[in-house]
Protein backbone atom coordinates (compact mmCIF):
# COMPACT_ATOMS: atom_id res chain seq x y z
CA UNK A 1 0.00 0.00 0.00
CA UNK A 2 1.17 3.50 -0.79
CA UNK A 3 1.27 5.78 2.22
CA UNK A 4 -0.14 9.27 1.68
CA UNK A 5 0.93 11.93 4.18
CA UNK A 6 -0.93 15.21 4.57
CA UNK A 7 0.64 18.13 6.41
CA UNK A 8 -0.80 21.36 7.78
CA UNK A 9 -4.29 22.28 6.66
CA UNK A 10 -4.30 19.33 4.26
CA UNK A 11 -4.50 17.02 7.28
CA UNK A 12 -7.71 18.77 8.33
CA UNK A 13 -9.22 18.36 4.86
CA UNK A 14 -8.15 14.70 4.64
CA UNK A 15 -9.43 13.98 8.14
CA UNK A 16 -6.18 12.20 9.00
CA UNK A 17 -2.44 12.78 8.85
CA UNK A 18 -1.96 9.62 6.79
CA UNK A 19 -3.96 7.39 4.49
CA UNK A 20 -3.00 4.05 2.96
CA UNK A 21 -4.03 3.38 -0.60
CA UNK A 22 -3.59 0.05 -2.40
CA UNK A 23 -2.07 0.36 -5.86
CA UNK A 24 -2.00 -2.22 -8.61
CA UNK A 25 1.29 -1.36 -10.28
CA UNK A 26 2.93 1.99 -10.92
CA UNK A 27 0.39 4.79 -10.62
CA UNK A 28 0.79 8.51 -11.26
CA UNK A 29 0.16 10.94 -8.45
CA UNK A 30 -2.54 12.51 -10.63
CA UNK A 31 -4.34 9.15 -10.80
CA UNK A 32 -4.00 8.74 -7.04
CA UNK A 33 -5.60 12.17 -6.49
CA UNK A 34 -8.57 11.09 -8.61
CA UNK A 35 -9.25 8.30 -6.09
CA UNK A 36 -9.45 10.73 -3.16
CA UNK A 37 -12.52 12.67 -1.98
CA UNK A 38 -13.27 15.64 -4.28
CA UNK A 39 -12.56 18.33 -1.67
CA UNK A 40 -9.16 16.83 -0.86
CA UNK A 41 -8.23 16.28 -4.51
CA UNK A 42 -9.11 19.90 -5.27
CA UNK A 43 -6.97 21.18 -2.38
CA UNK A 44 -4.02 19.08 -3.56
CA UNK A 45 -4.22 20.63 -7.04
CA UNK A 46 -3.33 24.06 -5.64
CA UNK A 47 -0.11 25.00 -7.49
CA UNK A 48 1.51 26.01 -4.19
CA UNK A 49 1.28 22.44 -2.85
CA UNK A 50 4.60 20.57 -3.10
CA UNK A 51 4.85 16.81 -3.45
CA UNK A 52 7.57 14.61 -1.98
CA UNK A 53 7.99 10.95 -2.88
CA UNK A 54 10.02 8.88 -0.44
CA UNK A 55 11.44 12.05 1.10
CA UNK A 56 12.51 13.72 -2.17
CA UNK A 57 10.69 16.70 -3.61
CA UNK A 58 9.13 16.07 -7.00
CA UNK A 59 9.73 18.87 -9.48
CA UNK A 60 7.19 20.81 -11.51
CA UNK A 61 5.99 17.57 -13.12
CA UNK A 62 5.21 15.99 -9.76
CA UNK A 63 1.71 14.98 -10.82
CA UNK A 64 3.22 12.67 -13.45
CA UNK A 65 5.60 10.87 -11.08
CA UNK A 66 4.85 7.16 -10.87
CA UNK A 67 4.39 5.70 -7.41
CA UNK A 68 4.75 2.05 -6.44
CA UNK A 69 2.78 0.21 -3.79
CA UNK A 70 5.36 0.65 -1.00
CA UNK A 71 6.11 4.35 -1.63
CA UNK A 72 5.34 7.30 0.61
CA UNK A 73 3.84 10.43 -0.95
CA UNK A 74 3.75 13.58 1.16
CA UNK A 75 1.71 16.64 0.26
CA UNK A 76 3.27 19.84 1.62
CA UNK A 77 1.26 23.06 1.84
CA UNK A 78 3.01 26.44 1.75
CA UNK A 79 4.39 27.51 5.10
CA UNK A 80 4.03 30.98 6.51
CA UNK A 81 5.24 32.48 9.69
CA UNK A 82 7.18 35.25 11.21
PDB file of N, CA and C in Angstrom:
ATOM      1  N   UNK A   1       0.834  -1.190   0.000  1.00  0.00           N
ATOM      2  CA  UNK A   1       0.000   0.000   0.000  1.00  0.00           C
ATOM      3  C   UNK A   1       0.872   1.244   0.000  1.00  0.00           C
ATOM      4  N   UNK A   2       0.494   2.212  -0.801  1.00  0.00           N
ATOM      5  CA  UNK A   2       1.173   3.497  -0.786  1.00  0.00           C
ATOM      6  C   UNK A   2       0.690   4.270   0.438  1.00  0.00           C
ATOM      7  N   UNK A   3       1.604   4.980   1.043  1.00  0.00           N
ATOM      8  CA  UNK A   3       1.270   5.781   2.218  1.00  0.00           C
ATOM      9  C   UNK A   3       1.195   7.246   1.779  1.00  0.00           C
ATOM     10  N   UNK A   4       0.058   7.865   2.002  1.00  0.00           N
ATOM     11  CA  UNK A   4      -0.140   9.271   1.681  1.00  0.00           C
ATOM     12  C   UNK A   4      -0.083  10.067   2.971  1.00  0.00           C
ATOM     13  N   UNK A   5       0.738  11.102   2.987  1.00  0.00           N
ATOM     14  CA  UNK A   5       0.927  11.928   4.180  1.00  0.00           C
ATOM     15  C   UNK A   5       0.449  13.343   3.873  1.00  0.00           C
ATOM     16  N   UNK A   6      -0.375  13.876   4.750  1.00  0.00           N
ATOM     17  CA  UNK A   6      -0.934  15.213   4.572  1.00  0.00           C
ATOM     18  C   UNK A   6      -0.466  16.098   5.726  1.00  0.00           C
ATOM     19  N   UNK A   7       0.123  17.228   5.390  1.00  0.00           N
ATOM     20  CA  UNK A   7       0.642  18.132   6.411  1.00  0.00           C
ATOM     21  C   UNK A   7      -0.185  19.411   6.466  1.00  0.00           C
ATOM     22  N   UNK A   8      -0.117  20.089   7.608  1.00  0.00           N
ATOM     23  CA  UNK A   8      -0.801  21.365   7.784  1.00  0.00           C
ATOM     24  C   UNK A   8      -2.298  21.262   7.575  1.00  0.00           C
ATOM     25  N   UNK A   9      -2.844  22.231   6.883  1.00  0.00           N
ATOM     26  CA  UNK A   9      -4.293  22.282   6.662  1.00  0.00           C
ATOM     27  C   UNK A   9      -4.791  21.114   5.828  1.00  0.00           C
ATOM     28  N   UNK A  10      -3.900  20.489   5.062  1.00  0.00           N
ATOM     29  CA  UNK A  10      -4.305  19.326   4.256  1.00  0.00           C
ATOM     30  C   UNK A  10      -4.724  18.159   5.150  1.00  0.00           C
ATOM     31  N   UNK A  11      -4.113  18.069   6.317  1.00  0.00           N
ATOM     32  CA  UNK A  11      -4.496  17.025   7.279  1.00  0.00           C
ATOM     33  C   UNK A  11      -5.947  17.229   7.712  1.00  0.00           C
ATOM     34  N   UNK A  12      -6.322  18.475   7.931  1.00  0.00           N
ATOM     35  CA  UNK A  12      -7.709  18.766   8.332  1.00  0.00           C
ATOM     36  C   UNK A  12      -8.686  18.373   7.231  1.00  0.00           C
ATOM     37  N   UNK A  13      -8.338  18.686   5.989  1.00  0.00           N
ATOM     38  CA  UNK A  13      -9.223  18.364   4.860  1.00  0.00           C
ATOM     39  C   UNK A  13      -9.313  16.855   4.663  1.00  0.00           C
ATOM     40  N   UNK A  14      -8.177  16.159   4.819  1.00  0.00           N
ATOM     41  CA  UNK A  14      -8.146  14.703   4.641  1.00  0.00           C
ATOM     42  C   UNK A  14      -8.821  13.981   5.796  1.00  0.00           C
ATOM     43  N   UNK A  15      -8.858  14.622   6.968  1.00  0.00           N
ATOM     44  CA  UNK A  15      -9.431  13.979   8.139  1.00  0.00           C
ATOM     45  C   UNK A  15      -8.461  13.051   8.844  1.00  0.00           C
ATOM     46  N   UNK A  16      -7.217  13.041   8.387  1.00  0.00           N
ATOM     47  CA  UNK A  16      -6.179  12.203   8.997  1.00  0.00           C
ATOM     48  C   UNK A  16      -4.829  12.683   8.494  1.00  0.00           C
ATOM     49  N   UNK A  17      -3.792  12.415   9.274  1.00  0.00           N
ATOM     50  CA  UNK A  17      -2.439  12.783   8.852  1.00  0.00           C
ATOM     51  C   UNK A  17      -1.927  11.849   7.764  1.00  0.00           C
ATOM     52  N   UNK A  18      -2.428  10.616   7.756  1.00  0.00           N
ATOM     53  CA  UNK A  18      -1.962   9.616   6.791  1.00  0.00           C
ATOM     54  C   UNK A  18      -3.132   8.769   6.303  1.00  0.00           C
ATOM     55  N   UNK A  19      -3.020   8.349   5.064  1.00  0.00           N
ATOM     56  CA  UNK A  19      -3.957   7.387   4.491  1.00  0.00           C
ATOM     57  C   UNK A  19      -3.145   6.333   3.755  1.00  0.00           C
ATOM     58  N   UNK A  20      -3.619   5.122   3.745  1.00  0.00           N
ATOM     59  CA  UNK A  20      -2.998   4.052   2.960  1.00  0.00           C
ATOM     60  C   UNK A  20      -3.894   3.763   1.773  1.00  0.00           C
ATOM     61  N   UNK A  21      -3.269   3.596   0.615  1.00  0.00           N
ATOM     62  CA  UNK A  21      -4.028   3.380  -0.605  1.00  0.00           C
ATOM     63  C   UNK A  21      -3.397   2.229  -1.386  1.00  0.00           C
ATOM     64  N   UNK A  22      -4.149   1.155  -1.622  1.00  0.00           N
ATOM     65  CA  UNK A  22      -3.591   0.048  -2.399  1.00  0.00           C
ATOM     66  C   UNK A  22      -3.446   0.443  -3.867  1.00  0.00           C
ATOM     67  N   UNK A  23      -2.320   0.085  -4.446  1.00  0.00           N
ATOM     68  CA  UNK A  23      -2.065   0.363  -5.857  1.00  0.00           C
ATOM     69  C   UNK A  23      -1.816  -0.950  -6.579  1.00  0.00           C
ATOM     70  N   UNK A  24      -2.269  -1.028  -7.801  1.00  0.00           N
ATOM     71  CA  UNK A  24      -1.998  -2.218  -8.606  1.00  0.00           C
ATOM     72  C   UNK A  24      -1.007  -1.816  -9.698  1.00  0.00           C
ATOM     73  N   UNK A  25       0.257  -1.784  -9.343  1.00  0.00           N
ATOM     74  CA  UNK A  25       1.293  -1.362 -10.278  1.00  0.00           C
ATOM     75  C   UNK A  25       1.587   0.119 -10.139  1.00  0.00           C
ATOM     76  N   UNK A  26       2.524   0.583 -10.953  1.00  0.00           N
ATOM     77  CA  UNK A  26       2.932   1.987 -10.916  1.00  0.00           C
ATOM     78  C   UNK A  26       1.747   2.876 -11.275  1.00  0.00           C
ATOM     79  N   UNK A  27       1.529   3.904 -10.467  1.00  0.00           N
ATOM     80  CA  UNK A  27       0.387   4.791 -10.618  1.00  0.00           C
ATOM     81  C   UNK A  27       0.862   6.231 -10.490  1.00  0.00           C
ATOM     82  N   UNK A  28       0.399   7.107 -11.358  1.00  0.00           N
ATOM     83  CA  UNK A  28       0.792   8.512 -11.261  1.00  0.00           C
ATOM     84  C   UNK A  28       0.120   9.160 -10.055  1.00  0.00           C
ATOM     85  N   UNK A  29       0.745  10.210  -9.569  1.00  0.00           N
ATOM     86  CA  UNK A  29       0.163  10.935  -8.450  1.00  0.00           C
ATOM     87  C   UNK A  29      -1.165  11.563  -8.872  1.00  0.00           C
ATOM     88  N   UNK A  30      -1.277  11.972 -10.127  1.00  0.00           N
ATOM     89  CA  UNK A  30      -2.543  12.513 -10.626  1.00  0.00           C
ATOM     90  C   UNK A  30      -3.652  11.470 -10.529  1.00  0.00           C
ATOM     91  N   UNK A  31      -3.340  10.219 -10.884  1.00  0.00           N
ATOM     92  CA  UNK A  31      -4.343   9.149 -10.801  1.00  0.00           C
ATOM     93  C   UNK A  31      -4.700   8.839  -9.353  1.00  0.00           C
ATOM     94  N   UNK A  32      -3.731   8.951  -8.464  1.00  0.00           N
ATOM     95  CA  UNK A  32      -4.003   8.742  -7.037  1.00  0.00           C
ATOM     96  C   UNK A  32      -4.972   9.814  -6.543  1.00  0.00           C
ATOM     97  N   UNK A  33      -4.730  11.069  -6.928  1.00  0.00           N
ATOM     98  CA  UNK A  33      -5.601  12.171  -6.487  1.00  0.00           C
ATOM     99  C   UNK A  33      -7.040  11.950  -6.936  1.00  0.00           C
ATOM    100  N   UNK A  34      -7.222  11.350  -8.105  1.00  0.00           N
ATOM    101  CA  UNK A  34      -8.574  11.087  -8.609  1.00  0.00           C
ATOM    102  C   UNK A  34      -9.333  10.098  -7.733  1.00  0.00           C
ATOM    103  N   UNK A  35      -8.616   9.299  -6.969  1.00  0.00           N
ATOM    104  CA  UNK A  35      -9.253   8.303  -6.093  1.00  0.00           C
ATOM    105  C   UNK A  35      -9.595   8.870  -4.719  1.00  0.00           C
ATOM    106  N   UNK A  36      -9.205  10.092  -4.460  1.00  0.00           N
ATOM    107  CA  UNK A  36      -9.445  10.728  -3.160  1.00  0.00           C
ATOM    108  C   UNK A  36     -10.755  11.516  -3.196  1.00  0.00           C
ATOM    109  N   UNK A  37     -11.307  11.846  -2.020  1.00  0.00           N
ATOM    110  CA  UNK A  37     -12.517  12.675  -1.981  1.00  0.00           C
ATOM    111  C   UNK A  37     -12.302  13.980  -2.755  1.00  0.00           C
ATOM    112  N   UNK A  38     -13.357  14.469  -3.394  1.00  0.00           N
ATOM    113  CA  UNK A  38     -13.267  15.636  -4.275  1.00  0.00           C
ATOM    114  C   UNK A  38     -12.661  16.862  -3.596  1.00  0.00           C
ATOM    115  N   UNK A  39     -13.071  17.145  -2.366  1.00  0.00           N
ATOM    116  CA  UNK A  39     -12.562  18.331  -1.670  1.00  0.00           C
ATOM    117  C   UNK A  39     -11.048  18.219  -1.445  1.00  0.00           C
ATOM    118  N   UNK A  40     -10.582  17.043  -1.081  1.00  0.00           N
ATOM    119  CA  UNK A  40      -9.157  16.831  -0.856  1.00  0.00           C
ATOM    120  C   UNK A  40      -8.395  16.910  -2.175  1.00  0.00           C
ATOM    121  N   UNK A  41      -8.892  16.256  -3.197  1.00  0.00           N
ATOM    122  CA  UNK A  41      -8.230  16.276  -4.506  1.00  0.00           C
ATOM    123  C   UNK A  41      -8.100  17.707  -5.014  1.00  0.00           C
ATOM    124  N   UNK A  42      -9.146  18.504  -4.833  1.00  0.00           N
ATOM    125  CA  UNK A  42      -9.114  19.903  -5.271  1.00  0.00           C
ATOM    126  C   UNK A  42      -8.054  20.689  -4.493  1.00  0.00           C
ATOM    127  N   UNK A  43      -7.968  20.478  -3.196  1.00  0.00           N
ATOM    128  CA  UNK A  43      -6.972  21.178  -2.376  1.00  0.00           C
ATOM    129  C   UNK A  43      -5.552  20.791  -2.800  1.00  0.00           C
ATOM    130  N   UNK A  44      -5.351  19.539  -3.155  1.00  0.00           N
ATOM    131  CA  UNK A  44      -4.018  19.083  -3.562  1.00  0.00           C
ATOM    132  C   UNK A  44      -3.596  19.678  -4.894  1.00  0.00           C
ATOM    133  N   UNK A  45      -4.544  20.070  -5.721  1.00  0.00           N
ATOM    134  CA  UNK A  45      -4.224  20.634  -7.038  1.00  0.00           C
ATOM    135  C   UNK A  45      -3.764  22.087  -6.965  1.00  0.00           C
ATOM    136  N   UNK A  46      -3.829  22.693  -5.797  1.00  0.00           N
ATOM    137  CA  UNK A  46      -3.330  24.059  -5.637  1.00  0.00           C
ATOM    138  C   UNK A  46      -1.864  24.077  -6.087  1.00  0.00           C
ATOM    139  N   UNK A  47      -1.487  24.988  -6.982  1.00  0.00           N
ATOM    140  CA  UNK A  47      -0.108  25.005  -7.490  1.00  0.00           C
ATOM    141  C   UNK A  47       0.958  25.282  -6.427  1.00  0.00           C
ATOM    142  N   UNK A  48       0.538  25.757  -5.264  1.00  0.00           N
ATOM    143  CA  UNK A  48       1.505  26.009  -4.191  1.00  0.00           C
ATOM    144  C   UNK A  48       1.810  24.756  -3.377  1.00  0.00           C
ATOM    145  N   UNK A  49       1.043  23.698  -3.566  1.00  0.00           N
ATOM    146  CA  UNK A  49       1.283  22.440  -2.851  1.00  0.00           C
ATOM    147  C   UNK A  49       2.495  21.747  -3.469  1.00  0.00           C
ATOM    148  N   UNK A  50       3.423  21.313  -2.643  1.00  0.00           N
ATOM    149  CA  UNK A  50       4.600  20.566  -3.101  1.00  0.00           C
ATOM    150  C   UNK A  50       4.369  19.093  -2.796  1.00  0.00           C
ATOM    151  N   UNK A  51       4.993  18.254  -3.596  1.00  0.00           N
ATOM    152  CA  UNK A  51       4.851  16.812  -3.451  1.00  0.00           C
ATOM    153  C   UNK A  51       6.233  16.210  -3.232  1.00  0.00           C
ATOM    154  N   UNK A  52       6.330  15.342  -2.233  1.00  0.00           N
ATOM    155  CA  UNK A  52       7.575  14.612  -1.984  1.00  0.00           C
ATOM    156  C   UNK A  52       7.276  13.116  -2.065  1.00  0.00           C
ATOM    157  N   UNK A  53       8.134  12.398  -2.768  1.00  0.00           N
ATOM    158  CA  UNK A  53       7.995  10.951  -2.880  1.00  0.00           C
ATOM    159  C   UNK A  53       9.209  10.324  -2.215  1.00  0.00           C
ATOM    160  N   UNK A  54       8.950   9.526  -1.207  1.00  0.00           N
ATOM    161  CA  UNK A  54      10.021   8.878  -0.440  1.00  0.00           C
ATOM    162  C   UNK A  54      11.059   9.889   0.041  1.00  0.00           C
ATOM    163  N   UNK A  55      10.568  11.046   0.495  1.00  0.00           N
ATOM    164  CA  UNK A  55      11.436  12.052   1.096  1.00  0.00           C
ATOM    165  C   UNK A  55      12.121  12.988   0.124  1.00  0.00           C
ATOM    166  N   UNK A  56      11.889  12.838  -1.177  1.00  0.00           N
ATOM    167  CA  UNK A  56      12.511  13.717  -2.166  1.00  0.00           C
ATOM    168  C   UNK A  56      11.446  14.523  -2.883  1.00  0.00           C
ATOM    169  N   UNK A  57      11.660  15.849  -2.945  1.00  0.00           N
ATOM    170  CA  UNK A  57      10.686  16.701  -3.612  1.00  0.00           C
ATOM    171  C   UNK A  57      10.593  16.370  -5.091  1.00  0.00           C
ATOM    172  N   UNK A  58       9.378  16.262  -5.566  1.00  0.00           N
ATOM    173  CA  UNK A  58       9.135  16.075  -6.998  1.00  0.00           C
ATOM    174  C   UNK A  58       9.145  17.462  -7.626  1.00  0.00           C
ATOM    175  N   UNK A  59       9.651  17.581  -8.805  1.00  0.00           N
ATOM    176  CA  UNK A  59       9.726  18.873  -9.481  1.00  0.00           C
ATOM    177  C   UNK A  59       8.375  19.336  -9.983  1.00  0.00           C
ATOM    178  N   UNK A  60       8.410  20.220 -10.951  1.00  0.00           N
ATOM    179  CA  UNK A  60       7.195  20.808 -11.509  1.00  0.00           C
ATOM    180  C   UNK A  60       6.269  19.749 -12.100  1.00  0.00           C
ATOM    181  N   UNK A  61       6.810  18.634 -12.550  1.00  0.00           N
ATOM    182  CA  UNK A  61       5.989  17.571 -13.124  1.00  0.00           C
ATOM    183  C   UNK A  61       5.587  16.531 -12.101  1.00  0.00           C
ATOM    184  N   UNK A  62       5.497  16.929 -10.842  1.00  0.00           N
ATOM    185  CA  UNK A  62       5.212  15.990  -9.760  1.00  0.00           C
ATOM    186  C   UNK A  62       3.960  15.159  -9.956  1.00  0.00           C
ATOM    187  N   UNK A  63       2.967  15.715 -10.619  1.00  0.00           N
ATOM    188  CA  UNK A  63       1.714  14.978 -10.820  1.00  0.00           C
ATOM    189  C   UNK A  63       1.896  13.773 -11.732  1.00  0.00           C
ATOM    190  N   UNK A  64       2.969  13.775 -12.519  1.00  0.00           N
ATOM    191  CA  UNK A  64       3.221  12.671 -13.450  1.00  0.00           C
ATOM    192  C   UNK A  64       4.156  11.606 -12.893  1.00  0.00           C
ATOM    193  N   UNK A  65       4.694  11.842 -11.695  1.00  0.00           N
ATOM    194  CA  UNK A  65       5.600  10.872 -11.076  1.00  0.00           C
ATOM    195  C   UNK A  65       4.836   9.580 -10.808  1.00  0.00           C
ATOM    196  N   UNK A  66       5.481   8.456 -11.128  1.00  0.00           N
ATOM    197  CA  UNK A  66       4.854   7.159 -10.874  1.00  0.00           C
ATOM    198  C   UNK A  66       5.229   6.672  -9.483  1.00  0.00           C
ATOM    199  N   UNK A  67       4.241   6.160  -8.788  1.00  0.00           N
ATOM    200  CA  UNK A  67       4.394   5.704  -7.411  1.00  0.00           C
ATOM    201  C   UNK A  67       4.113   4.207  -7.369  1.00  0.00           C
ATOM    202  N   UNK A  68       4.950   3.487  -6.623  1.00  0.00           N
ATOM    203  CA  UNK A  68       4.752   2.048  -6.441  1.00  0.00           C
ATOM    204  C   UNK A  68       4.014   1.804  -5.129  1.00  0.00           C
ATOM    205  N   UNK A  69       3.619   0.562  -4.929  1.00  0.00           N
ATOM    206  CA  UNK A  69       2.784   0.207  -3.787  1.00  0.00           C
ATOM    207  C   UNK A  69       3.422   0.524  -2.435  1.00  0.00           C
ATOM    208  N   UNK A  70       4.721   0.453  -2.299  1.00  0.00           N
ATOM    209  CA  UNK A  70       5.361   0.655  -0.998  1.00  0.00           C
ATOM    210  C   UNK A  70       5.878   2.082  -0.798  1.00  0.00           C
ATOM    211  N   UNK A  71       5.589   2.989  -1.717  1.00  0.00           N
ATOM    212  CA  UNK A  71       6.114   4.349  -1.634  1.00  0.00           C
ATOM    213  C   UNK A  71       5.320   5.222  -0.672  1.00  0.00           C
ATOM    214  N   UNK A  72       5.989   6.297  -0.224  1.00  0.00           N
ATOM    215  CA  UNK A  72       5.343   7.304   0.610  1.00  0.00           C
ATOM    216  C   UNK A  72       5.252   8.597  -0.190  1.00  0.00           C
ATOM    217  N   UNK A  73       4.069   9.154  -0.247  1.00  0.00           N
ATOM    218  CA  UNK A  73       3.839  10.426  -0.948  1.00  0.00           C
ATOM    219  C   UNK A  73       3.364  11.438   0.081  1.00  0.00           C
ATOM    220  N   UNK A  74       4.113  12.526   0.217  1.00  0.00           N
ATOM    221  CA  UNK A  74       3.749  13.582   1.162  1.00  0.00           C
ATOM    222  C   UNK A  74       3.310  14.820   0.402  1.00  0.00           C
ATOM    223  N   UNK A  75       2.230  15.428   0.853  1.00  0.00           N
ATOM    224  CA  UNK A  75       1.708  16.644   0.255  1.00  0.00           C
ATOM    225  C   UNK A  75       2.000  17.780   1.225  1.00  0.00           C
ATOM    226  N   UNK A  76       2.750  18.783   0.757  1.00  0.00           N
ATOM    227  CA  UNK A  76       3.267  19.836   1.615  1.00  0.00           C
ATOM    228  C   UNK A  76       2.640  21.181   1.244  1.00  0.00           C
ATOM    229  N   UNK A  77       1.844  21.743   2.126  1.00  0.00           N
ATOM    230  CA  UNK A  77       1.257  23.062   1.838  1.00  0.00           C
ATOM    231  C   UNK A  77       2.310  24.153   2.043  1.00  0.00           C
ATOM    232  N   UNK A  78       2.068  25.345   1.506  1.00  0.00           N
ATOM    233  CA  UNK A  78       3.005  26.440   1.746  1.00  0.00           C
ATOM    234  C   UNK A  78       3.048  26.767   3.238  1.00  0.00           C
ATOM    235  N   UNK A  79       4.206  27.193   3.678  1.00  0.00           N
ATOM    236  CA  UNK A  79       4.394  27.507   5.097  1.00  0.00           C
ATOM    237  C   UNK A  79       4.544  29.012   5.230  1.00  0.00           C
ATOM    238  N   UNK A  80       3.869  29.563   6.226  1.00  0.00           N
ATOM    239  CA  UNK A  80       4.025  30.982   6.505  1.00  0.00           C
ATOM    240  C   UNK A  80       4.351  31.145   7.973  1.00  0.00           C
ATOM    241  N   UNK A  81       4.907  32.235   8.287  1.00  0.00           N
ATOM    242  CA  UNK A  81       5.239  32.483   9.695  1.00  0.00           C
ATOM    243  C   UNK A  81       6.044  33.745   9.812  1.00  0.00           C
ATOM    244  N   UNK A  82       6.460  34.015  11.016  1.00  0.00           N
ATOM    245  CA  UNK A  82       7.178  35.254  11.205  1.00  0.00           C
ATOM    246  C   UNK A  82       8.284  35.145  12.176  1.00  0.00           C
TER     247      UNK A  82
END
